[in-house]
Amino acid sequence: MLQLKESGHNDGGRHTFYRALKTFLYWWEDEVEPDNWSNPIRKAKPPKLSIEPLKPANLADIKAMITTCDKTFTGRRDKAILLALLDTVARAKELIEMKVDNFN
């Protein structure tokens, strides 16, 4: 984990790596069951995540993204997606999971 920090990975990236490694080692322990082997992840502490909020998007960048949407079907679709994300403050995954029945 220290090597990841020194190479410039952020807290979220190091935590993702830790979770993947932990999952693999628990799988290895359950499936392979090696003799005289103790899982080293049990002694490792997960990296701490910072609780600082992310910086908001630059307004000029948002305007530039919206103005690049042309009058084609995909351009209007992309503009609608961008505006929906801005208006609802939803995450992209939340917007993707919405169904037509969710809207009034």
C-alpha atoms as a PDB file:
ATOM      1  CA  MET A   1       0.000   0.000   0.000  1.00  0.00           C
ATOM      2  CA  LEU A   2       2.875   2.336   0.727  1.00  0.00           C
ATOM      3  CA  GLN A   3       4.173   1.880  -2.811  1.00  0.00           C
ATOM      4  CA  LEU A   4       0.766   2.937  -4.173  1.00  0.00           C
ATOM      5  CA  LYS A   5       0.846   6.095  -2.078  1.00  0.00           C
ATOM      6  CA  GLU A   6       4.355   6.947  -3.199  1.00  0.00           C
ATOM      7  CA  SER A   7       3.442   6.453  -6.849  1.00  0.00           C
ATOM      8  CA  GLY A   8       0.676   9.066  -6.581  1.00  0.00           C
ATOM      9  CA  HIS A   9      -2.495   6.996  -6.209  1.00  0.00           C
ATOM     10  CA  ASN A  10      -5.251   8.738  -4.276  1.00  0.00           C
ATOM     11  CA  ASP A  11      -6.972   7.354  -1.169  1.00  0.00           C
ATOM     12  CA  GLY A  12      -9.854   5.864  -3.173  1.00  0.00           C
ATOM     13  CA  GLY A  13      -7.506   4.034  -5.538  1.00  0.00           C
ATOM     14  CA  ARG A  14      -5.498   2.557  -2.680  1.00  0.00           C
ATOM     15  CA  HIS A  15      -8.703   1.468  -0.921  1.00  0.00           C
ATOM     16  CA  THR A  16      -9.983  -0.191  -4.119  1.00  0.00           C
ATOM     17  CA  PHE A  17      -6.700  -2.085  -4.459  1.00  0.00           C
ATOM     18  CA  TYR A  18      -6.923  -3.165  -0.809  1.00  0.00           C
ATOM     19  CA  ARG A  19     -10.490  -4.463  -1.240  1.00  0.00           C
ATOM     20  CA  ALA A  20      -9.539  -6.449  -4.350  1.00  0.00           C
ATOM     21  CA  LEU A  21      -6.516  -7.961  -2.633  1.00  0.00           C
ATOM     22  CA  LYS A  22      -8.562  -8.784   0.480  1.00  0.00           C
ATOM     23  CA  THR A  23     -11.240 -10.490  -1.601  1.00  0.00           C
ATOM     24  CA  PHE A  24      -8.652 -12.548  -3.454  1.00  0.00           C
ATOM     25  CA  LEU A  25      -6.862 -13.631  -0.258  1.00  0.00           C
ATOM     26  CA  TYR A  26     -10.124 -14.668   1.427  1.00  0.00           C
ATOM     27  CA  TRP A  27     -11.049 -16.637  -1.692  1.00  0.00           C
ATOM     28  CA  TRP A  28      -7.591 -18.271  -1.693  1.00  0.00           C
ATOM     29  CA  GLU A  29      -8.005 -19.182   1.966  1.00  0.00           C
ATOM     30  CA  ASP A  30     -11.465 -20.705   1.400  1.00  0.00           C
ATOM     31  CA  GLU A  31     -10.816 -22.524  -1.861  1.00  0.00           C
ATOM     32  CA  VAL A  32      -7.209 -23.655  -1.724  1.00  0.00           C
ATOM     33  CA  GLU A  33      -6.840 -24.071   2.049  1.00  0.00           C
ATOM     34  CA  PRO A  34      -3.055 -24.242   2.071  1.00  0.00           C
ATOM     35  CA  ASP A  35      -1.396 -25.990   5.001  1.00  0.00           C
ATOM     36  CA  ASN A  36       0.418 -23.842   7.566  1.00  0.00           C
ATOM     37  CA  TRP A  37      -0.678 -20.678   5.817  1.00  0.00           C
ATOM     38  CA  SER A  38      -2.164 -17.712   7.589  1.00  0.00           C
ATOM     39  CA  ASN A  39      -3.948 -15.002   5.692  1.00  0.00           C
ATOM     40  CA  PRO A  40      -1.759 -11.868   5.827  1.00  0.00           C
ATOM     41  CA  ILE A  41      -4.695  -9.563   5.115  1.00  0.00           C
ATOM     42  CA  ARG A  42      -6.063 -10.274   8.593  1.00  0.00           C
ATOM     43  CA  LYS A  43      -3.167  -8.258  10.030  1.00  0.00           C
ATOM     44  CA  ALA A  44      -3.359  -5.402   7.518  1.00  0.00           C
ATOM     45  CA  LYS A  45      -5.448  -2.333   8.234  1.00  0.00           C
ATOM     46  CA  PRO A  46      -7.398  -0.833   5.345  1.00  0.00           C
ATOM     47  CA  PRO A  47      -6.173   2.532   4.106  1.00  0.00           C
ATOM     48  CA  LYS A  48      -8.101   5.475   5.483  1.00  0.00           C
ATOM     49  CA  LEU A  49     -10.311   7.384   3.105  1.00  0.00           C
ATOM     50  CA  SER A  50     -10.360  11.146   3.217  1.00  0.00           C
ATOM     51  CA  ILE A  51     -13.728  12.683   3.987  1.00  0.00           C
ATOM     52  CA  GLU A  52     -13.095  15.916   2.122  1.00  0.00           C
ATOM     53  CA  PRO A  53     -15.811  16.658  -0.456  1.00  0.00           C
ATOM     54  CA  LEU A  54     -14.882  16.700  -4.106  1.00  0.00           C
ATOM     55  CA  LYS A  55     -14.401  20.035  -5.818  1.00  0.00           C
ATOM     56  CA  PRO A  56     -17.435  21.081  -7.896  1.00  0.00           C
ATOM     57  CA  ALA A  57     -17.236  21.070 -11.648  1.00  0.00           C
ATOM     58  CA  ASN A  58     -16.152  24.279 -13.309  1.00  0.00           C
ATOM     59  CA  LEU A  59     -19.145  26.194 -14.721  1.00  0.00           C
ATOM     60  CA  ALA A  60     -17.262  27.029 -17.929  1.00  0.00           C
ATOM     61  CA  ASP A  61     -16.561  23.321 -18.496  1.00  0.00           C
ATOM     62  CA  ILE A  62     -20.224  22.454 -17.990  1.00  0.00           C
ATOM     63  CA  LYS A  63     -21.301  25.132 -20.481  1.00  0.00           C
ATOM     64  CA  ALA A  64     -18.738  23.864 -22.971  1.00  0.00           C
ATOM     65  CA  MET A  65     -20.070  20.295 -22.674  1.00  0.00           C
ATOM     66  CA  ILE A  66     -23.647  21.455 -23.206  1.00  0.00           C
ATOM     67  CA  THR A  67     -22.794  23.642 -26.211  1.00  0.00           C
ATOM     68  CA  THR A  68     -21.033  20.737 -27.949  1.00  0.00           C
ATOM     69  CA  CYS A  69     -24.320  18.829 -28.086  1.00  0.00           C
ATOM     70  CA  ASP A  70     -25.659  19.245 -31.629  1.00  0.00           C
ATOM     71  CA  LYS A  71     -29.227  18.937 -32.979  1.00  0.00           C
ATOM     72  CA  THR A  72     -28.962  15.238 -33.823  1.00  0.00           C
ATOM     73  CA  PHE A  73     -30.760  12.598 -31.789  1.00  0.00           C
ATOM     74  CA  THR A  74     -27.625  11.677 -29.843  1.00  0.00           C
ATOM     75  CA  GLY A  75     -26.769  15.341 -29.304  1.00  0.00           C
ATOM     76  CA  ARG A  76     -30.206  16.072 -27.838  1.00  0.00           C
ATOM     77  CA  ARG A  77     -29.984  12.884 -25.773  1.00  0.00           C
ATOM     78  CA  ASP A  78     -26.576  13.849 -24.384  1.00  0.00           C
ATOM     79  CA  LYS A  79     -27.804  17.360 -23.556  1.00  0.00           C
ATOM     80  CA  ALA A  80     -30.817  15.908 -21.743  1.00  0.00           C
ATOM     81  CA  ILE A  81     -28.549  13.581 -19.755  1.00  0.00           C
ATOM     82  CA  LEU A  82     -26.216  16.423 -18.778  1.00  0.00           C
ATOM     83  CA  LEU A  83     -29.088  18.674 -17.733  1.00  0.00           C
ATOM     84  CA  ALA A  84     -30.771  15.863 -15.794  1.00  0.00           C
ATOM     85  CA  LEU A  85     -27.545  15.167 -13.921  1.00  0.00           C
ATOM     86  CA  LEU A  86     -27.143  18.854 -13.106  1.00  0.00           C
ATOM     87  CA  ASP A  87     -30.773  19.369 -12.059  1.00  0.00           C
ATOM     88  CA  THR A  88     -31.154  16.245  -9.955  1.00  0.00           C
ATOM     89  CA  VAL A  89     -27.600  15.997  -8.587  1.00  0.00           C
ATOM     90  CA  ALA A  90     -27.924  12.277  -9.268  1.00  0.00           C
ATOM     91  CA  ARG A  91     -24.923  10.104  -9.915  1.00  0.00           C
ATOM     92  CA  ALA A  92     -24.484   8.736 -13.418  1.00  0.00           C
ATOM     93  CA  LYS A  93     -25.227   5.183 -12.221  1.00  0.00           C
ATOM     94  CA  GLU A  94     -28.434   6.355 -10.523  1.00  0.00           C
ATOM     95  CA  LEU A  95     -29.564   8.051 -13.718  1.00  0.00           C
ATOM     96  CA  ILE A  96     -28.788   4.943 -15.787  1.00  0.00           C
ATOM     97  CA  GLU A  97     -30.827   2.743 -13.431  1.00  0.00           C
ATOM     98  CA  MET A  98     -33.938   4.976 -13.667  1.00  0.00           C
ATOM     99  CA  LYS A  99     -36.901   3.609 -15.589  1.00  0.00           C
ATOM    100  CA  VAL A 100     -39.575   5.541 -17.484  1.00  0.00           C
ATOM    101  CA  ASP A 101     -42.043   4.637 -14.721  1.00  0.00           C
ATOM    102  CA  ASN A 102     -39.896   6.597 -12.246  1.00  0.00           C
ATOM    103  CA  PHE A 103     -40.806   9.868 -13.954  1.00  0.00           C
ATOM    104  CA  ASN A 104     -44.048  11.802 -13.632  1.00  0.00           C
END
